Each structure stands twice: as structure tokens, then as C-alpha cells.
């Protein structure tokens, strides 16, 4: 199953190939995905990429640290901190 973002990228690419405008494409995506829709800025950015000939629908890999810091060690550490001070919550 495709993620919602990738699914929207596929639909965006389809709208570009149909000759739709970026605003019309955003309106269609918003109608289908509601609150899960990409932002208007993201739609414009991806629309431009596809119009320039990009075929890949996924994001390019980026160097640097991953954006997620949820590890078993961090979860355990947070649990210990919460147990030490009952006024804290997760």
C-alpha cells in the first residue's frame, strides 16, 4: 500500500500529464484527501518538478541525521523519567 504522500505524488503527476493547472490540481487533491492533503506549497513544488520532466514519485534521499529519534533506548529513558516524577506525562 502506498503512503498518502506517494499516492498524492502519483495523482499530481497524472494531473500534470492531463494539463491541469497547479491550483486545479491542489483543489482536486484537497477534495479527495481533506486534512491529509499536501500543503499548497508542496503541491506547487511537486507540480513544477513533474512539469520539468521528473518521473520519480518518491523523495530523493538527503544526507544528515534522520528526522526520527524514537529508539528503544529513548523510550526506556523517557519511561524512567516519568516514573521518577509522577507529575510528568508522556
PDB file of N, CA and C in Angstrom:
ATOM      1  N   UNK A   1       0.837  -1.187   0.000  1.00  0.00           N
ATOM      2  CA  UNK A   1       0.000   0.000   0.000  1.00  0.00           C
ATOM      3  C   UNK A   1       0.878   1.245   0.000  1.00  0.00           C
ATOM      4  N   UNK A   2       0.552   2.197  -0.830  1.00  0.00           N
ATOM      5  CA  UNK A   2       1.314   3.432  -0.929  1.00  0.00           C
ATOM      6  C   UNK A   2       1.018   4.356   0.245  1.00  0.00           C
ATOM      7  N   UNK A   3       2.032   5.119   0.656  1.00  0.00           N
ATOM      8  CA  UNK A   3       1.770   6.133   1.671  1.00  0.00           C
ATOM      9  C   UNK A   3       0.905   7.225   1.039  1.00  0.00           C
ATOM     10  N   UNK A   4       0.253   8.002   1.880  1.00  0.00           N
ATOM     11  CA  UNK A   4      -0.635   9.058   1.386  1.00  0.00           C
ATOM     12  C   UNK A   4       0.144  10.060   0.544  1.00  0.00           C
ATOM     13  N   UNK A   5       1.371  10.414   0.974  1.00  0.00           N
ATOM     14  CA  UNK A   5       2.182  11.370   0.209  1.00  0.00           C
ATOM     15  C   UNK A   5       2.530  10.825  -1.168  1.00  0.00           C
ATOM     16  N   UNK A   6       2.982   9.578  -1.226  1.00  0.00           N
ATOM     17  CA  UNK A   6       3.366   8.979  -2.509  1.00  0.00           C
ATOM     18  C   UNK A   6       2.140   8.855  -3.413  1.00  0.00           C
ATOM     19  N   UNK A   7       1.024   8.479  -2.833  1.00  0.00           N
ATOM     20  CA  UNK A   7      -0.220   8.379  -3.606  1.00  0.00           C
ATOM     21  C   UNK A   7      -0.586   9.739  -4.212  1.00  0.00           C
ATOM     22  N   UNK A   8      -0.417  10.793  -3.435  1.00  0.00           N
ATOM     23  CA  UNK A   8      -0.716  12.130  -3.936  1.00  0.00           C
ATOM     24  C   UNK A   8       0.279  12.543  -5.018  1.00  0.00           C
ATOM     25  N   UNK A   9       1.542  12.124  -4.886  1.00  0.00           N
ATOM     26  CA  UNK A   9       2.534  12.422  -5.910  1.00  0.00           C
ATOM     27  C   UNK A   9       2.139  11.769  -7.234  1.00  0.00           C
ATOM     28  N   UNK A  10       1.642  10.536  -7.172  1.00  0.00           N
ATOM     29  CA  UNK A  10       1.184   9.842  -8.381  1.00  0.00           C
ATOM     30  C   UNK A  10       0.028  10.620  -9.009  1.00  0.00           C
ATOM     31  N   UNK A  11      -0.910  11.029  -8.183  1.00  0.00           N
ATOM     32  CA  UNK A  11      -2.060  11.789  -8.692  1.00  0.00           C
ATOM     33  C   UNK A  11      -1.632  13.146  -9.243  1.00  0.00           C
ATOM     34  N   UNK A  12      -0.665  13.773  -8.601  1.00  0.00           N
ATOM     35  CA  UNK A  12      -0.125  15.035  -9.087  1.00  0.00           C
ATOM     36  C   UNK A  12       0.495  14.854 -10.467  1.00  0.00           C
ATOM     37  N   UNK A  13       1.297  13.811 -10.612  1.00  0.00           N
ATOM     38  CA  UNK A  13       1.944  13.534 -11.889  1.00  0.00           C
ATOM     39  C   UNK A  13       0.896  13.306 -12.980  1.00  0.00           C
ATOM     40  N   UNK A  14      -0.173  12.618 -12.631  1.00  0.00           N
ATOM     41  CA  UNK A  14      -1.265  12.356 -13.566  1.00  0.00           C
ATOM     42  C   UNK A  14      -1.913  13.670 -14.012  1.00  0.00           C
ATOM     43  N   UNK A  15      -2.172  14.568 -13.062  1.00  0.00           N
ATOM     44  CA  UNK A  15      -2.794  15.859 -13.390  1.00  0.00           C
ATOM     45  C   UNK A  15      -1.884  16.704 -14.276  1.00  0.00           C
ATOM     46  N   UNK A  16      -0.564  16.650 -14.036  1.00  0.00           N
ATOM     47  CA  UNK A  16       0.382  17.373 -14.888  1.00  0.00           C
ATOM     48  C   UNK A  16       0.282  16.850 -16.316  1.00  0.00           C
ATOM     49  N   UNK A  17       0.240  15.523 -16.457  1.00  0.00           N
ATOM     50  CA  UNK A  17       0.164  14.925 -17.790  1.00  0.00           C
ATOM     51  C   UNK A  17      -1.160  15.244 -18.479  1.00  0.00           C
ATOM     52  N   UNK A  18      -2.214  15.491 -17.686  1.00  0.00           N
ATOM     53  CA  UNK A  18      -3.504  15.883 -18.262  1.00  0.00           C
ATOM     54  C   UNK A  18      -3.550  17.361 -18.631  1.00  0.00           C
ATOM     55  N   UNK A  19      -2.542  18.123 -18.184  1.00  0.00           N
ATOM     56  CA  UNK A  19      -2.509  19.545 -18.497  1.00  0.00           C
ATOM     57  C   UNK A  19      -3.276  20.409 -17.514  1.00  0.00           C
ATOM     58  N   UNK A  20      -3.594  19.875 -16.330  1.00  0.00           N
ATOM     59  CA  UNK A  20      -4.287  20.657 -15.303  1.00  0.00           C
ATOM     60  C   UNK A  20      -3.335  21.711 -14.731  1.00  0.00           C
ATOM     61  N   UNK A  21      -3.890  22.765 -14.172  1.00  0.00           N
ATOM     62  CA  UNK A  21      -3.072  23.781 -13.502  1.00  0.00           C
ATOM     63  C   UNK A  21      -2.738  23.309 -12.086  1.00  0.00           C
ATOM     64  N   UNK A  22      -1.732  23.930 -11.484  1.00  0.00           N
ATOM     65  CA  UNK A  22      -1.360  23.546 -10.117  1.00  0.00           C
ATOM     66  C   UNK A  22      -2.486  23.870  -9.134  1.00  0.00           C
ATOM     67  N   UNK A  23      -3.190  24.968  -9.344  1.00  0.00           N
ATOM     68  CA  UNK A  23      -4.299  25.340  -8.460  1.00  0.00           C
ATOM     69  C   UNK A  23      -5.443  24.343  -8.579  1.00  0.00           C
ATOM     70  N   UNK A  24      -5.787  23.959  -9.797  1.00  0.00           N
ATOM     71  CA  UNK A  24      -6.852  22.970 -10.007  1.00  0.00           C
ATOM     72  C   UNK A  24      -6.442  21.625  -9.406  1.00  0.00           C
ATOM     73  N   UNK A  25      -5.179  21.265  -9.571  1.00  0.00           N
ATOM     74  CA  UNK A  25      -4.669  20.014  -9.007  1.00  0.00           C
ATOM     75  C   UNK A  25      -4.774  20.036  -7.495  1.00  0.00           C
ATOM     76  N   UNK A  26      -4.372  21.148  -6.868  1.00  0.00           N
ATOM     77  CA  UNK A  26      -4.476  21.272  -5.411  1.00  0.00           C
ATOM     78  C   UNK A  26      -5.933  21.143  -4.970  1.00  0.00           C
ATOM     79  N   UNK A  27      -6.838  21.800  -5.668  1.00  0.00           N
ATOM     80  CA  UNK A  27      -8.264  21.725  -5.327  1.00  0.00           C
ATOM     81  C   UNK A  27      -8.770  20.285  -5.390  1.00  0.00           C
ATOM     82  N   UNK A  28      -8.347  19.551  -6.401  1.00  0.00           N
ATOM     83  CA  UNK A  28      -8.765  18.148  -6.533  1.00  0.00           C
ATOM     84  C   UNK A  28      -8.194  17.290  -5.400  1.00  0.00           C
ATOM     85  N   UNK A  29      -6.907  17.486  -5.098  1.00  0.00           N
ATOM     86  CA  UNK A  29      -6.287  16.727  -4.014  1.00  0.00           C
ATOM     87  C   UNK A  29      -6.951  17.041  -2.675  1.00  0.00           C
ATOM     88  N   UNK A  30      -7.243  18.312  -2.446  1.00  0.00           N
ATOM     89  CA  UNK A  30      -7.895  18.730  -1.194  1.00  0.00           C
ATOM     90  C   UNK A  30      -9.277  18.087  -1.075  1.00  0.00           C
ATOM     91  N   UNK A  31      -9.980  17.992  -2.183  1.00  0.00           N
ATOM     92  CA  UNK A  31     -11.306  17.387  -2.187  1.00  0.00           C
ATOM     93  C   UNK A  31     -11.233  15.899  -1.839  1.00  0.00           C
ATOM     94  N   UNK A  32     -10.218  15.223  -2.346  1.00  0.00           N
ATOM     95  CA  UNK A  32     -10.076  13.783  -2.120  1.00  0.00           C
ATOM     96  C   UNK A  32      -9.466  13.477  -0.755  1.00  0.00           C
ATOM     97  N   UNK A  33      -8.391  14.186  -0.375  1.00  0.00           N
ATOM     98  CA  UNK A  33      -7.629  13.838   0.827  1.00  0.00           C
ATOM     99  C   UNK A  33      -7.959  14.681   2.053  1.00  0.00           C
ATOM    100  N   UNK A  34      -8.688  15.756   1.887  1.00  0.00           N
ATOM    101  CA  UNK A  34      -9.076  16.586   3.036  1.00  0.00           C
ATOM    102  C   UNK A  34      -7.887  17.051   3.843  1.00  0.00           C
ATOM    103  N   UNK A  35      -7.906  16.777   5.149  1.00  0.00           N
ATOM    104  CA  UNK A  35      -6.841  17.211   6.053  1.00  0.00           C
ATOM    105  C   UNK A  35      -5.517  16.509   5.784  1.00  0.00           C
ATOM    106  N   UNK A  36      -5.547  15.378   5.098  1.00  0.00           N
ATOM    107  CA  UNK A  36      -4.336  14.630   4.777  1.00  0.00           C
ATOM    108  C   UNK A  36      -3.639  15.164   3.526  1.00  0.00           C
ATOM    109  N   UNK A  37      -4.207  16.178   2.899  1.00  0.00           N
ATOM    110  CA  UNK A  37      -3.675  16.711   1.644  1.00  0.00           C
ATOM    111  C   UNK A  37      -2.338  17.416   1.866  1.00  0.00           C
ATOM    112  N   UNK A  38      -1.466  17.295   0.870  1.00  0.00           N
ATOM    113  CA  UNK A  38      -0.227  18.070   0.877  1.00  0.00           C
ATOM    114  C   UNK A  38      -0.567  19.553   0.956  1.00  0.00           C
ATOM    115  N   UNK A  39       0.357  20.341   1.468  1.00  0.00           N
ATOM    116  CA  UNK A  39       0.120  21.788   1.518  1.00  0.00           C
ATOM    117  C   UNK A  39       0.141  22.346   0.099  1.00  0.00           C
ATOM    118  N   UNK A  40      -0.435  23.529  -0.052  1.00  0.00           N
ATOM    119  CA  UNK A  40      -0.468  24.168  -1.369  1.00  0.00           C
ATOM    120  C   UNK A  40       0.949  24.378  -1.902  1.00  0.00           C
ATOM    121  N   UNK A  41       1.873  24.763  -1.030  1.00  0.00           N
ATOM    122  CA  UNK A  41       3.269  24.966  -1.417  1.00  0.00           C
ATOM    123  C   UNK A  41       3.899  23.668  -1.912  1.00  0.00           C
ATOM    124  N   UNK A  42       3.640  22.549  -1.206  1.00  0.00           N
ATOM    125  CA  UNK A  42       4.178  21.261  -1.635  1.00  0.00           C
ATOM    126  C   UNK A  42       3.615  20.858  -2.995  1.00  0.00           C
ATOM    127  N   UNK A  43       2.334  21.105  -3.194  1.00  0.00           N
ATOM    128  CA  UNK A  43       1.712  20.764  -4.469  1.00  0.00           C
ATOM    129  C   UNK A  43       2.378  21.557  -5.593  1.00  0.00           C
ATOM    130  N   UNK A  44       2.606  22.849  -5.378  1.00  0.00           N
ATOM    131  CA  UNK A  44       3.253  23.685  -6.399  1.00  0.00           C
ATOM    132  C   UNK A  44       4.671  23.174  -6.685  1.00  0.00           C
ATOM    133  N   UNK A  45       5.428  22.845  -5.626  1.00  0.00           N
ATOM    134  CA  UNK A  45       6.795  22.344  -5.797  1.00  0.00           C
ATOM    135  C   UNK A  45       6.815  21.049  -6.608  1.00  0.00           C
ATOM    136  N   UNK A  46       5.980  20.078  -6.220  1.00  0.00           N
ATOM    137  CA  UNK A  46       5.949  18.798  -6.931  1.00  0.00           C
ATOM    138  C   UNK A  46       5.396  18.975  -8.345  1.00  0.00           C
ATOM    139  N   UNK A  47       4.415  19.830  -8.495  1.00  0.00           N
ATOM    140  CA  UNK A  47       3.843  20.100  -9.815  1.00  0.00           C
ATOM    141  C   UNK A  47       4.945  20.588 -10.767  1.00  0.00           C
ATOM    142  N   UNK A  48       5.770  21.511 -10.268  1.00  0.00           N
ATOM    143  CA  UNK A  48       6.871  22.055 -11.066  1.00  0.00           C
ATOM    144  C   UNK A  48       7.868  20.959 -11.432  1.00  0.00           C
ATOM    145  N   UNK A  49       8.213  20.098 -10.474  1.00  0.00           N
ATOM    146  CA  UNK A  49       9.162  19.013 -10.744  1.00  0.00           C
ATOM    147  C   UNK A  49       8.648  18.097 -11.856  1.00  0.00           C
ATOM    148  N   UNK A  50       7.380  17.723 -11.760  1.00  0.00           N
ATOM    149  CA  UNK A  50       6.815  16.825 -12.768  1.00  0.00           C
ATOM    150  C   UNK A  50       6.682  17.525 -14.120  1.00  0.00           C
ATOM    151  N   UNK A  51       6.357  18.801 -14.111  1.00  0.00           N
ATOM    152  CA  UNK A  51       6.234  19.544 -15.362  1.00  0.00           C
ATOM    153  C   UNK A  51       7.594  19.671 -16.053  1.00  0.00           C
ATOM    154  N   UNK A  52       8.658  19.702 -15.262  1.00  0.00           N
ATOM    155  CA  UNK A  52      10.014  19.786 -15.812  1.00  0.00           C
ATOM    156  C   UNK A  52      10.537  18.429 -16.279  1.00  0.00           C
ATOM    157  N   UNK A  53       9.741  17.377 -16.103  1.00  0.00           N
ATOM    158  CA  UNK A  53      10.127  16.069 -16.627  1.00  0.00           C
ATOM    159  C   UNK A  53      10.505  15.018 -15.614  1.00  0.00           C
ATOM    160  N   UNK A  54      10.442  15.332 -14.349  1.00  0.00           N
ATOM    161  CA  UNK A  54      10.771  14.326 -13.342  1.00  0.00           C
ATOM    162  C   UNK A  54       9.779  13.174 -13.425  1.00  0.00           C
ATOM    163  N   UNK A  55      10.278  11.952 -13.317  1.00  0.00           N
ATOM    164  CA  UNK A  55       9.429  10.766 -13.380  1.00  0.00           C
ATOM    165  C   UNK A  55       9.300  10.066 -12.027  1.00  0.00           C
ATOM    166  N   UNK A  56      10.335  10.175 -11.182  1.00  0.00           N
ATOM    167  CA  UNK A  56      10.280   9.519  -9.866  1.00  0.00           C
ATOM    168  C   UNK A  56       9.251  10.205  -8.976  1.00  0.00           C
ATOM    169  N   UNK A  57       8.490   9.395  -8.239  1.00  0.00           N
ATOM    170  CA  UNK A  57       7.455   9.977  -7.386  1.00  0.00           C
ATOM    171  C   UNK A  57       7.893  10.106  -5.936  1.00  0.00           C
ATOM    172  N   UNK A  58       8.978   9.429  -5.562  1.00  0.00           N
ATOM    173  CA  UNK A  58       9.453   9.484  -4.181  1.00  0.00           C
ATOM    174  C   UNK A  58      10.423  10.625  -3.968  1.00  0.00           C
ATOM    175  N   UNK A  59      10.641  10.971  -2.702  1.00  0.00           N
ATOM    176  CA  UNK A  59      11.624  11.990  -2.357  1.00  0.00           C
ATOM    177  C   UNK A  59      13.022  11.434  -2.586  1.00  0.00           C
ATOM    178  N   UNK A  60      13.955  12.307  -2.919  1.00  0.00           N
ATOM    179  CA  UNK A  60      15.351  11.913  -3.006  1.00  0.00           C
ATOM    180  C   UNK A  60      15.889  11.739  -1.595  1.00  0.00           C
ATOM    181  N   UNK A  61      16.845  10.837  -1.446  1.00  0.00           N
ATOM    182  CA  UNK A  61      17.492  10.680  -0.137  1.00  0.00           C
ATOM    183  C   UNK A  61      18.285  11.946   0.171  1.00  0.00           C
ATOM    184  N   UNK A  62      18.276  12.313   1.440  1.00  0.00           N
ATOM    185  CA  UNK A  62      19.007  13.508   1.856  1.00  0.00           C
ATOM    186  C   UNK A  62      20.051  13.125   2.883  1.00  0.00           C
ATOM    187  N   UNK A  63      21.227  13.749   2.822  1.00  0.00           N
ATOM    188  CA  UNK A  63      22.260  13.448   3.810  1.00  0.00           C
ATOM    189  C   UNK A  63      21.897  14.051   5.162  1.00  0.00           C
ATOM    190  N   UNK A  64      22.521  13.528   6.176  1.00  0.00           N
ATOM    191  CA  UNK A  64      22.307  14.095   7.507  1.00  0.00           C
ATOM    192  C   UNK A  64      21.587  13.136   8.425  1.00  0.00           C
ATOM    193  N   UNK A  65      21.284  13.631   9.588  1.00  0.00           N
ATOM    194  CA  UNK A  65      20.638  12.817  10.608  1.00  0.00           C
ATOM    195  C   UNK A  65      19.201  12.519  10.229  1.00  0.00           C
ATOM    196  N   UNK A  66      18.710  11.352  10.634  1.00  0.00           N
ATOM    197  CA  UNK A  66      17.298  11.057  10.382  1.00  0.00           C
ATOM    198  C   UNK A  66      16.412  11.964  11.224  1.00  0.00           C
ATOM    199  N   UNK A  67      15.191  12.198  10.770  1.00  0.00           N
ATOM    200  CA  UNK A  67      14.306  13.119  11.470  1.00  0.00           C
ATOM    201  C   UNK A  67      13.625  12.476  12.675  1.00  0.00           C
ATOM    202  N   UNK A  68      13.772  11.170  12.846  1.00  0.00           N
ATOM    203  CA  UNK A  68      13.122  10.474  13.954  1.00  0.00           C
ATOM    204  C   UNK A  68      14.161  10.082  14.996  1.00  0.00           C
ATOM    205  N   UNK A  69      13.859  10.369  16.249  1.00  0.00           N
ATOM    206  CA  UNK A  69      14.775   9.999  17.326  1.00  0.00           C
ATOM    207  C   UNK A  69      14.125   8.992  18.268  1.00  0.00           C
ATOM    208  N   UNK A  70      13.074   8.312  17.806  1.00  0.00           N
ATOM    209  CA  UNK A  70      12.395   7.330  18.635  1.00  0.00           C
ATOM    210  C   UNK A  70      13.139   5.994  18.540  1.00  0.00           C
ATOM    211  N   UNK A  71      13.828   5.669  19.623  1.00  0.00           N
ATOM    212  CA  UNK A  71      14.541   4.398  19.704  1.00  0.00           C
ATOM    213  C   UNK A  71      14.111   3.703  20.982  1.00  0.00           C
ATOM    214  N   UNK A  72      14.398   2.421  21.086  1.00  0.00           N
ATOM    215  CA  UNK A  72      14.057   1.696  22.310  1.00  0.00           C
ATOM    216  C   UNK A  72      14.743   2.318  23.523  1.00  0.00           C
ATOM    217  N   UNK A  73      15.993   2.753  23.346  1.00  0.00           N
ATOM    218  CA  UNK A  73      16.725   3.373  24.456  1.00  0.00           C
ATOM    219  C   UNK A  73      16.058   4.674  24.894  1.00  0.00           C
ATOM    220  N   UNK A  74      15.627   5.499  23.925  1.00  0.00           N
ATOM    221  CA  UNK A  74      14.959   6.760  24.269  1.00  0.00           C
ATOM    222  C   UNK A  74      13.616   6.510  24.941  1.00  0.00           C
ATOM    223  N   UNK A  75      12.878   5.535  24.466  1.00  0.00           N
ATOM    224  CA  UNK A  75      11.580   5.204  25.064  1.00  0.00           C
ATOM    225  C   UNK A  75      11.766   4.761  26.505  1.00  0.00           C
ATOM    226  N   UNK A  76      12.781   3.925  26.731  1.00  0.00           N
ATOM    227  CA  UNK A  76      13.062   3.456  28.095  1.00  0.00           C
ATOM    228  C   UNK A  76      13.476   4.620  28.994  1.00  0.00           C
ATOM    229  N   UNK A  77      14.311   5.509  28.473  1.00  0.00           N
ATOM    230  CA  UNK A  77      14.776   6.661  29.249  1.00  0.00           C
ATOM    231  C   UNK A  77      13.606   7.572  29.633  1.00  0.00           C
ATOM    232  N   UNK A  78      12.707   7.839  28.705  1.00  0.00           N
ATOM    233  CA  UNK A  78      11.537   8.669  28.992  1.00  0.00           C
ATOM    234  C   UNK A  78      10.659   7.988  30.040  1.00  0.00           C
ATOM    235  N   UNK A  79      10.487   6.683  29.913  1.00  0.00           N
ATOM    236  CA  UNK A  79       9.701   5.941  30.899  1.00  0.00           C
ATOM    237  C   UNK A  79      10.277   6.075  32.301  1.00  0.00           C
ATOM    238  N   UNK A  80      11.599   5.986  32.409  1.00  0.00           N
ATOM    239  CA  UNK A  80      12.254   6.132  33.713  1.00  0.00           C
ATOM    240  C   UNK A  80      12.050   7.534  34.283  1.00  0.00           C
ATOM    241  N   UNK A  81      12.166   8.540  33.440  1.00  0.00           N
ATOM    242  CA  UNK A  81      11.985   9.929  33.894  1.00  0.00           C
ATOM    243  C   UNK A  81      10.562  10.146  34.389  1.00  0.00           C
ATOM    244  N   UNK A  82       9.590   9.606  33.682  1.00  0.00           N
ATOM    245  CA  UNK A  82       8.191   9.766  34.079  1.00  0.00           C
ATOM    246  C   UNK A  82       7.930   9.039  35.389  1.00  0.00           C
ATOM    247  N   UNK A  83       8.531   7.860  35.572  1.00  0.00           N
ATOM    248  CA  UNK A  83       8.343   7.112  36.823  1.00  0.00           C
ATOM    249  C   UNK A  83       8.974   7.840  38.010  1.00  0.00           C
ATOM    250  N   UNK A  84      10.054   8.571  37.782  1.00  0.00           N
ATOM    251  CA  UNK A  84      10.713   9.297  38.854  1.00  0.00           C
ATOM    252  C   UNK A  84       9.918  10.537  39.280  1.00  0.00           C
ATOM    253  N   UNK A  85       9.158  11.122  38.382  1.00  0.00           N
ATOM    254  CA  UNK A  85       8.375  12.297  38.684  1.00  0.00           C
ATOM    255  C   UNK A  85       6.958  12.064  38.175  1.00  0.00           C
ATOM    256  N   UNK A  86       6.049  11.743  39.091  1.00  0.00           N
ATOM    257  CA  UNK A  86       4.690  11.370  38.700  1.00  0.00           C
ATOM    258  C   UNK A  86       3.883  12.545  38.124  1.00  0.00           C
ATOM    259  N   UNK A  87       4.405  13.761  38.228  1.00  0.00           N
ATOM    260  CA  UNK A  87       3.699  14.914  37.660  1.00  0.00           C
ATOM    261  C   UNK A  87       3.917  15.032  36.147  1.00  0.00           C
ATOM    262  N   UNK A  88       4.900  14.328  35.631  1.00  0.00           N
ATOM    263  CA  UNK A  88       5.170  14.335  34.202  1.00  0.00           C
ATOM    264  C   UNK A  88       4.289  13.306  33.499  1.00  0.00           C
ATOM    265  N   UNK A  89       4.072  13.521  32.253  1.00  0.00           N
ATOM    266  CA  UNK A  89       3.357  12.529  31.438  1.00  0.00           C
ATOM    267  C   UNK A  89       4.021  12.471  30.075  1.00  0.00           C
ATOM    268  N   UNK A  90       3.732  11.430  29.352  1.00  0.00           N
ATOM    269  CA  UNK A  90       4.309  11.241  28.023  1.00  0.00           C
ATOM    270  C   UNK A  90       3.549  12.063  27.038  1.00  0.00           C
TER     271      UNK A  90
END
